[in-house]
Amino acid sequence: MLAGVHHELRENHDANDEDIIAFFTKLDPHMNAPVAGDSIWRHTAASQDFEVNASAPVMRTQNLIHLVKVIVGWYSNPPTQL
């Protein structure tokens, strides 16, 4: 999923490696498993892609595509938690 985010940011948002590293650093505090009910993953558009207490997103292709789009959107319009 993060590889997809990286690819989209490089190809479609003209982000360089430093920009992507800074963005992923902001995501880092939210990468704990299991996913808590009050996490960024459950209170944003990403909520449909994560179940409470899951250790990974829902692995259906449509969920992974959606999650990449959500996270890429956070690059330019981050939720308040970031």
PDB file of N, CA and C in Angstrom:
ATOM      1  N   MET A   1       0.824  -1.166   0.000  1.00  0.00           N
ATOM      2  CA  MET A   1       0.000   0.000   0.000  1.00  0.00           C
ATOM      3  C   MET A   1       0.880   1.244   0.000  1.00  0.00           C
ATOM      4  N   LEU A   2       1.892   1.289   0.868  1.00  0.00           N
ATOM      5  CA  LEU A   2       2.773   2.459   0.896  1.00  0.00           C
ATOM      6  C   LEU A   2       3.589   2.577  -0.380  1.00  0.00           C
ATOM      7  N   ALA A   3       3.903   1.449  -1.002  1.00  0.00           N
ATOM      8  CA  ALA A   3       4.589   1.503  -2.297  1.00  0.00           C
ATOM      9  C   ALA A   3       3.687   2.174  -3.333  1.00  0.00           C
ATOM     10  N   GLY A   4       2.397   1.879  -3.288  1.00  0.00           N
ATOM     11  CA  GLY A   4       1.450   2.529  -4.191  1.00  0.00           C
ATOM     12  C   GLY A   4       1.352   4.018  -3.929  1.00  0.00           C
ATOM     13  N   VAL A   5       1.355   4.407  -2.651  1.00  0.00           N
ATOM     14  CA  VAL A   5       1.338   5.832  -2.296  1.00  0.00           C
ATOM     15  C   VAL A   5       2.595   6.507  -2.830  1.00  0.00           C
ATOM     16  N   HIS A   6       3.739   5.879  -2.604  1.00  0.00           N
ATOM     17  CA  HIS A   6       5.005   6.434  -3.084  1.00  0.00           C
ATOM     18  C   HIS A   6       4.957   6.638  -4.596  1.00  0.00           C
ATOM     19  N   HIS A   7       4.515   5.620  -5.309  1.00  0.00           N
ATOM     20  CA  HIS A   7       4.436   5.697  -6.775  1.00  0.00           C
ATOM     21  C   HIS A   7       3.524   6.843  -7.221  1.00  0.00           C
ATOM     22  N   GLU A   8       2.337   6.935  -6.639  1.00  0.00           N
ATOM     23  CA  GLU A   8       1.397   7.992  -7.017  1.00  0.00           C
ATOM     24  C   GLU A   8       1.965   9.383  -6.733  1.00  0.00           C
ATOM     25  N   LEU A   9       2.610   9.549  -5.599  1.00  0.00           N
ATOM     26  CA  LEU A   9       3.175  10.862  -5.262  1.00  0.00           C
ATOM     27  C   LEU A   9       4.289  11.244  -6.231  1.00  0.00           C
ATOM     28  N   ARG A  10       5.124  10.281  -6.606  1.00  0.00           N
ATOM     29  CA  ARG A  10       6.216  10.572  -7.542  1.00  0.00           C
ATOM     30  C   ARG A  10       5.688  10.866  -8.942  1.00  0.00           C
ATOM     31  N   GLU A  11       4.760  10.065  -9.405  1.00  0.00           N
ATOM     32  CA  GLU A  11       4.299  10.159 -10.787  1.00  0.00           C
ATOM     33  C   GLU A  11       3.270  11.254 -11.018  1.00  0.00           C
ATOM     34  N   ASN A  12       2.368  11.466 -10.069  1.00  0.00           N
ATOM     35  CA  ASN A  12       1.238  12.349 -10.317  1.00  0.00           C
ATOM     36  C   ASN A  12       1.201  13.613  -9.467  1.00  0.00           C
ATOM     37  N   HIS A  13       2.131  13.733  -8.527  1.00  0.00           N
ATOM     38  CA  HIS A  13       2.132  14.904  -7.652  1.00  0.00           C
ATOM     39  C   HIS A  13       3.493  15.587  -7.605  1.00  0.00           C
ATOM     40  N   ASP A  14       4.402  15.139  -8.452  1.00  0.00           N
ATOM     41  CA  ASP A  14       5.747  15.726  -8.542  1.00  0.00           C
ATOM     42  C   ASP A  14       6.448  15.813  -7.198  1.00  0.00           C
ATOM     43  N   ALA A  15       6.187  14.879  -6.300  1.00  0.00           N
ATOM     44  CA  ALA A  15       6.855  14.851  -5.001  1.00  0.00           C
ATOM     45  C   ALA A  15       8.239  14.238  -5.170  1.00  0.00           C
ATOM     46  N   ASN A  16       9.215  14.814  -4.508  1.00  0.00           N
ATOM     47  CA  ASN A  16      10.549  14.230  -4.537  1.00  0.00           C
ATOM     48  C   ASN A  16      10.720  13.329  -3.311  1.00  0.00           C
ATOM     49  N   ASP A  17      11.863  12.657  -3.242  1.00  0.00           N
ATOM     50  CA  ASP A  17      12.077  11.710  -2.149  1.00  0.00           C
ATOM     51  C   ASP A  17      12.006  12.374  -0.785  1.00  0.00           C
ATOM     52  N   GLU A  18      12.544  13.577  -0.663  1.00  0.00           N
ATOM     53  CA  GLU A  18      12.523  14.279   0.624  1.00  0.00           C
ATOM     54  C   GLU A  18      11.090  14.596   1.052  1.00  0.00           C
ATOM     55  N   ASP A  19      10.256  15.013   0.099  1.00  0.00           N
ATOM     56  CA  ASP A  19       8.851  15.293   0.397  1.00  0.00           C
ATOM     57  C   ASP A  19       8.120  14.029   0.867  1.00  0.00           C
ATOM     58  N   ILE A  20       8.395  12.925   0.199  1.00  0.00           N
ATOM     59  CA  ILE A  20       7.731  11.667   0.534  1.00  0.00           C
ATOM     60  C   ILE A  20       8.208  11.160   1.894  1.00  0.00           C
ATOM     61  N   ILE A  21       9.493  11.295   2.163  1.00  0.00           N
ATOM     62  CA  ILE A  21      10.014  10.892   3.476  1.00  0.00           C
ATOM     63  C   ILE A  21       9.353  11.717   4.572  1.00  0.00           C
ATOM     64  N   ALA A  22       9.235  13.019   4.363  1.00  0.00           N
ATOM     65  CA  ALA A  22       8.589  13.881   5.361  1.00  0.00           C
ATOM     66  C   ALA A  22       7.130  13.473   5.563  1.00  0.00           C
ATOM     67  N   PHE A  23       6.436  13.145   4.486  1.00  0.00           N
ATOM     68  CA  PHE A  23       5.038  12.720   4.578  1.00  0.00           C
ATOM     69  C   PHE A  23       4.918  11.393   5.315  1.00  0.00           C
ATOM     70  N   PHE A  24       5.760  10.424   4.963  1.00  0.00           N
ATOM     71  CA  PHE A  24       5.727   9.132   5.633  1.00  0.00           C
ATOM     72  C   PHE A  24       6.105   9.269   7.105  1.00  0.00           C
ATOM     73  N   THR A  25       6.958  10.222   7.439  1.00  0.00           N
ATOM     74  CA  THR A  25       7.314  10.469   8.840  1.00  0.00           C
ATOM     75  C   THR A  25       6.092  10.927   9.626  1.00  0.00           C
ATOM     76  N   LYS A  26       5.222  11.719   8.995  1.00  0.00           N
ATOM     77  CA  LYS A  26       3.983  12.140   9.648  1.00  0.00           C
ATOM     78  C   LYS A  26       3.038  10.957   9.871  1.00  0.00           C
ATOM     79  N   LEU A  27       3.079   9.999   8.956  1.00  0.00           N
ATOM     80  CA  LEU A  27       2.233   8.805   9.088  1.00  0.00           C
ATOM     81  C   LEU A  27       2.757   7.844  10.148  1.00  0.00           C
ATOM     82  N   ASP A  28       4.049   7.873  10.404  1.00  0.00           N
ATOM     83  CA  ASP A  28       4.694   6.896  11.275  1.00  0.00           C
ATOM     84  C   ASP A  28       4.001   6.697  12.620  1.00  0.00           C
ATOM     85  N   PRO A  29       3.620   7.743  13.349  1.00  0.00           N
ATOM     86  CA  PRO A  29       2.975   7.517  14.648  1.00  0.00           C
ATOM     87  C   PRO A  29       1.628   6.786  14.559  1.00  0.00           C
ATOM     88  N   HIS A  30       1.080   6.685  13.372  1.00  0.00           N
ATOM     89  CA  HIS A  30      -0.236   6.069  13.176  1.00  0.00           C
ATOM     90  C   HIS A  30      -0.146   4.641  12.624  1.00  0.00           C
ATOM     91  N   MET A  31       1.059   4.106  12.596  1.00  0.00           N
ATOM     92  CA  MET A  31       1.279   2.813  11.952  1.00  0.00           C
ATOM     93  C   MET A  31       1.312   1.654  12.946  1.00  0.00           C
ATOM     94  N   ASN A  32       0.762   1.843  14.125  1.00  0.00           N
ATOM     95  CA  ASN A  32       0.741   0.782  15.127  1.00  0.00           C
ATOM     96  C   ASN A  32      -0.346  -0.238  14.823  1.00  0.00           C
ATOM     97  N   ALA A  33      -0.095  -1.449  15.223  1.00  0.00           N
ATOM     98  CA  ALA A  33      -1.095  -2.507  15.109  1.00  0.00           C
ATOM     99  C   ALA A  33      -1.285  -3.100  16.489  1.00  0.00           C
ATOM    100  N   PRO A  34      -2.467  -3.515  16.811  1.00  0.00           N
ATOM    101  CA  PRO A  34      -3.686  -3.472  16.003  1.00  0.00           C
ATOM    102  C   PRO A  34      -4.248  -2.058  15.902  1.00  0.00           C
ATOM    103  N   VAL A  35      -5.116  -1.873  14.930  1.00  0.00           N
ATOM    104  CA  VAL A  35      -5.742  -0.577  14.681  1.00  0.00           C
ATOM    105  C   VAL A  35      -6.773  -0.304  15.772  1.00  0.00           C
ATOM    106  N   ALA A  36      -6.537   0.755  16.512  1.00  0.00           N
ATOM    107  CA  ALA A  36      -7.454   1.125  17.603  1.00  0.00           C
ATOM    108  C   ALA A  36      -8.705   1.797  17.039  1.00  0.00           C
ATOM    109  N   GLY A  37      -9.767   1.715  17.771  1.00  0.00           N
ATOM    110  CA  GLY A  37     -11.029   2.316  17.354  1.00  0.00           C
ATOM    111  C   GLY A  37     -10.963   3.818  17.208  1.00  0.00           C
ATOM    112  N   ASP A  38     -10.032   4.473  17.892  1.00  0.00           N
ATOM    113  CA  ASP A  38      -9.915   5.925  17.819  1.00  0.00           C
ATOM    114  C   ASP A  38      -8.768   6.392  16.923  1.00  0.00           C
ATOM    115  N   SER A  39      -8.247   5.513  16.086  1.00  0.00           N
ATOM    116  CA  SER A  39      -7.099   5.851  15.243  1.00  0.00           C
ATOM    117  C   SER A  39      -7.510   6.644  14.005  1.00  0.00           C
ATOM    118  N   ILE A  40      -6.516   7.224  13.363  1.00  0.00           N
ATOM    119  CA  ILE A  40      -6.718   7.968  12.115  1.00  0.00           C
ATOM    120  C   ILE A  40      -7.365   7.071  11.049  1.00  0.00           C
ATOM    121  N   TRP A  41      -7.080   5.796  11.127  1.00  0.00           N
ATOM    122  CA  TRP A  41      -7.591   4.855  10.123  1.00  0.00           C
ATOM    123  C   TRP A  41      -9.082   4.584  10.301  1.00  0.00           C
ATOM    124  N   ARG A  42      -9.610   4.862  11.485  1.00  0.00           N
ATOM    125  CA  ARG A  42     -11.022   4.607  11.751  1.00  0.00           C
ATOM    126  C   ARG A  42     -11.868   5.872  11.741  1.00  0.00           C
ATOM    127  N   HIS A  43     -11.233   7.053  11.674  1.00  0.00           N
ATOM    128  CA  HIS A  43     -11.985   8.314  11.748  1.00  0.00           C
ATOM    129  C   HIS A  43     -11.736   9.222  10.556  1.00  0.00           C
ATOM    130  N   THR A  44     -11.405   8.624   9.441  1.00  0.00           N
ATOM    131  CA  THR A  44     -11.223   9.354   8.181  1.00  0.00           C
ATOM    132  C   THR A  44     -11.856   8.512   7.076  1.00  0.00           C
ATOM    133  N   ALA A  45     -11.672   8.917   5.853  1.00  0.00           N
ATOM    134  CA  ALA A  45     -12.199   8.141   4.730  1.00  0.00           C
ATOM    135  C   ALA A  45     -11.578   6.745   4.649  1.00  0.00           C
ATOM    136  N   ALA A  46     -10.484   6.532   5.370  1.00  0.00           N
ATOM    137  CA  ALA A  46      -9.833   5.213   5.386  1.00  0.00           C
ATOM    138  C   ALA A  46     -10.608   4.200   6.225  1.00  0.00           C
ATOM    139  N   SER A  47     -11.638   4.636   6.933  1.00  0.00           N
ATOM    140  CA  SER A  47     -12.341   3.735   7.856  1.00  0.00           C
ATOM    141  C   SER A  47     -12.928   2.512   7.169  1.00  0.00           C
ATOM    142  N   GLN A  48     -13.327   2.636   5.916  1.00  0.00           N
ATOM    143  CA  GLN A  48     -13.892   1.483   5.225  1.00  0.00           C
ATOM    144  C   GLN A  48     -12.829   0.440   4.885  1.00  0.00           C
ATOM    145  N   ASP A  49     -11.569   0.800   5.035  1.00  0.00           N
ATOM    146  CA  ASP A  49     -10.485  -0.101   4.666  1.00  0.00           C
ATOM    147  C   ASP A  49      -9.828  -0.781   5.863  1.00  0.00           C
ATOM    148  N   PHE A  50     -10.276  -0.450   7.067  1.00  0.00           N
ATOM    149  CA  PHE A  50      -9.708  -1.031   8.285  1.00  0.00           C
ATOM    150  C   PHE A  50     -10.820  -1.463   9.229  1.00  0.00           C
ATOM    151  N   GLU A  51     -10.627  -2.600   9.841  1.00  0.00           N
ATOM    152  CA  GLU A  51     -11.518  -3.052  10.895  1.00  0.00           C
ATOM    153  C   GLU A  51     -10.835  -2.799  12.232  1.00  0.00           C
ATOM    154  N   VAL A  52     -11.610  -2.559  13.260  1.00  0.00           N
ATOM    155  CA  VAL A  52     -11.062  -2.361  14.598  1.00  0.00           C
ATOM    156  C   VAL A  52     -10.273  -3.602  14.998  1.00  0.00           C
ATOM    157  N   ASN A  53      -9.109  -3.371  15.590  1.00  0.00           N
ATOM    158  CA  ASN A  53      -8.211  -4.421  16.068  1.00  0.00           C
ATOM    159  C   ASN A  53      -7.555  -5.224  14.950  1.00  0.00           C
ATOM    160  N   ALA A  54      -7.660  -4.761  13.707  1.00  0.00           N
ATOM    161  CA  ALA A  54      -6.968  -5.424  12.608  1.00  0.00           C
ATOM    162  C   ALA A  54      -5.492  -5.031  12.636  1.00  0.00           C
ATOM    163  N   SER A  55      -4.661  -5.886  12.096  1.00  0.00           N
ATOM    164  CA  SER A  55      -3.237  -5.590  12.006  1.00  0.00           C
ATOM    165  C   SER A  55      -2.840  -5.109  10.617  1.00  0.00           C
ATOM    166  N   ALA A  56      -3.790  -5.082   9.709  1.00  0.00           N
ATOM    167  CA  ALA A  56      -3.531  -4.664   8.331  1.00  0.00           C
ATOM    168  C   ALA A  56      -4.854  -4.207   7.721  1.00  0.00           C
ATOM    169  N   PRO A  57      -4.779  -3.473   6.616  1.00  0.00           N
ATOM    170  CA  PRO A  57      -6.029  -3.088   5.960  1.00  0.00           C
ATOM    171  C   PRO A  57      -6.733  -4.306   5.366  1.00  0.00           C
ATOM    172  N   VAL A  58      -7.993  -4.110   5.036  1.00  0.00           N
ATOM    173  CA  VAL A  58      -8.736  -5.137   4.311  1.00  0.00           C
ATOM    174  C   VAL A  58      -7.994  -5.350   2.991  1.00  0.00           C
ATOM    175  N   MET A  59      -7.714  -6.581   2.647  1.00  0.00           N
ATOM    176  CA  MET A  59      -6.818  -6.872   1.535  1.00  0.00           C
ATOM    177  C   MET A  59      -7.517  -7.065   0.183  1.00  0.00           C
ATOM    178  N   ARG A  60      -8.767  -6.668   0.078  1.00  0.00           N
ATOM    179  CA  ARG A  60      -9.421  -6.722  -1.235  1.00  0.00           C
ATOM    180  C   ARG A  60      -8.833  -5.627  -2.114  1.00  0.00           C
ATOM    181  N   THR A  61      -8.715  -5.897  -3.380  1.00  0.00           N
ATOM    182  CA  THR A  61      -8.111  -4.946  -4.316  1.00  0.00           C
ATOM    183  C   THR A  61      -8.783  -3.592  -4.247  1.00  0.00           C
ATOM    184  N   GLN A  62     -10.092  -3.559  -4.212  1.00  0.00           N
ATOM    185  CA  GLN A  62     -10.789  -2.276  -4.199  1.00  0.00           C
ATOM    186  C   GLN A  62     -10.485  -1.484  -2.933  1.00  0.00           C
ATOM    187  N   ASN A  63     -10.285  -2.173  -1.806  1.00  0.00           N
ATOM    188  CA  ASN A  63      -9.926  -1.475  -0.570  1.00  0.00           C
ATOM    189  C   ASN A  63      -8.513  -0.904  -0.646  1.00  0.00           C
ATOM    190  N   LEU A  64      -7.599  -1.668  -1.194  1.00  0.00           N
ATOM    191  CA  LEU A  64      -6.227  -1.186  -1.300  1.00  0.00           C
ATOM    192  C   LEU A  64      -6.129   0.005  -2.251  1.00  0.00           C
ATOM    193  N   ILE A  65      -6.841  -0.050  -3.354  1.00  0.00           N
ATOM    194  CA  ILE A  65      -6.856   1.077  -4.295  1.00  0.00           C
ATOM    195  C   ILE A  65      -7.452   2.303  -3.613  1.00  0.00           C
ATOM    196  N   HIS A  66      -8.545   2.116  -2.905  1.00  0.00           N
ATOM    197  CA  HIS A  66      -9.182   3.225  -2.199  1.00  0.00           C
ATOM    198  C   HIS A  66      -8.245   3.812  -1.155  1.00  0.00           C
ATOM    199  N   LEU A  67      -7.593   2.959  -0.388  1.00  0.00           N
ATOM    200  CA  LEU A  67      -6.707   3.421   0.674  1.00  0.00           C
ATOM    201  C   LEU A  67      -5.526   4.212   0.115  1.00  0.00           C
ATOM    202  N   VAL A  68      -4.974   3.764  -0.991  1.00  0.00           N
ATOM    203  CA  VAL A  68      -3.894   4.522  -1.631  1.00  0.00           C
ATOM    204  C   VAL A  68      -4.404   5.909  -2.010  1.00  0.00           C
ATOM    205  N   LYS A  69      -5.577   5.997  -2.597  1.00  0.00           N
ATOM    206  CA  LYS A  69      -6.145   7.299  -2.979  1.00  0.00           C
ATOM    207  C   LYS A  69      -6.363   8.189  -1.768  1.00  0.00           C
ATOM    208  N   VAL A  70      -6.861   7.614  -0.676  1.00  0.00           N
ATOM    209  CA  VAL A  70      -7.094   8.392   0.551  1.00  0.00           C
ATOM    210  C   VAL A  70      -5.783   8.955   1.068  1.00  0.00           C
ATOM    211  N   ILE A  71      -4.778   8.104   1.189  1.00  0.00           N
ATOM    212  CA  ILE A  71      -3.497   8.545   1.751  1.00  0.00           C
ATOM    213  C   ILE A  71      -2.815   9.545   0.826  1.00  0.00           C
ATOM    214  N   VAL A  72      -2.876   9.334  -0.463  1.00  0.00           N
ATOM    215  CA  VAL A  72      -2.317  10.312  -1.409  1.00  0.00           C
ATOM    216  C   VAL A  72      -3.030  11.657  -1.229  1.00  0.00           C
ATOM    217  N   GLY A  73      -4.323  11.639  -1.013  1.00  0.00           N
ATOM    218  CA  GLY A  73      -5.067  12.873  -0.770  1.00  0.00           C
ATOM    219  C   GLY A  73      -4.605  13.596   0.478  1.00  0.00           C
ATOM    220  N   TRP A  74      -4.168  12.835   1.477  1.00  0.00           N
ATOM    221  CA  TRP A  74      -3.652  13.443   2.703  1.00  0.00           C
ATOM    222  C   TRP A  74      -2.364  14.220   2.469  1.00  0.00           C
ATOM    223  N   TYR A  75      -1.654  13.913   1.390  1.00  0.00           N
ATOM    224  CA  TYR A  75      -0.397  14.610   1.095  1.00  0.00           C
ATOM    225  C   TYR A  75      -0.641  16.105   0.947  1.00  0.00           C
ATOM    226  N   SER A  76      -1.693  16.476   0.241  1.00  0.00           N
ATOM    227  CA  SER A  76      -1.981  17.897   0.026  1.00  0.00           C
ATOM    228  C   SER A  76      -3.085  18.427   0.943  1.00  0.00           C
ATOM    229  N   ASN A  77      -3.870  17.533   1.519  1.00  0.00           N
ATOM    230  CA  ASN A  77      -4.967  17.944   2.391  1.00  0.00           C
ATOM    231  C   ASN A  77      -5.033  16.990   3.586  1.00  0.00           C
ATOM    232  N   PRO A  78      -4.082  17.124   4.533  1.00  0.00           N
ATOM    233  CA  PRO A  78      -4.011  16.163   5.634  1.00  0.00           C
ATOM    234  C   PRO A  78      -5.144  16.326   6.632  1.00  0.00           C
ATOM    235  N   PRO A  79      -5.562  15.214   7.236  1.00  0.00           N
ATOM    236  CA  PRO A  79      -6.538  15.314   8.316  1.00  0.00           C
ATOM    237  C   PRO A  79      -5.885  15.972   9.529  1.00  0.00           C
ATOM    238  N   THR A  80      -6.684  16.413  10.454  1.00  0.00           N
ATOM    239  CA  THR A  80      -6.150  17.136  11.620  1.00  0.00           C
ATOM    240  C   THR A  80      -5.186  16.271  12.432  1.00  0.00           C
ATOM    241  N   GLN A  81      -5.333  14.962  12.405  1.00  0.00           N
ATOM    242  CA  GLN A  81      -4.448  14.069  13.161  1.00  0.00           C
ATOM    243  C   GLN A  81      -3.023  14.085  12.636  1.00  0.00           C
ATOM    244  N   LEU A  82      -2.821  14.506  11.381  1.00  0.00           N
ATOM    245  CA  LEU A  82      -1.471  14.584  10.825  1.00  0.00           C
ATOM    246  C   LEU A  82      -0.936  15.973  11.031  1.00  0.00           C
TER     247      LEU A  82
END
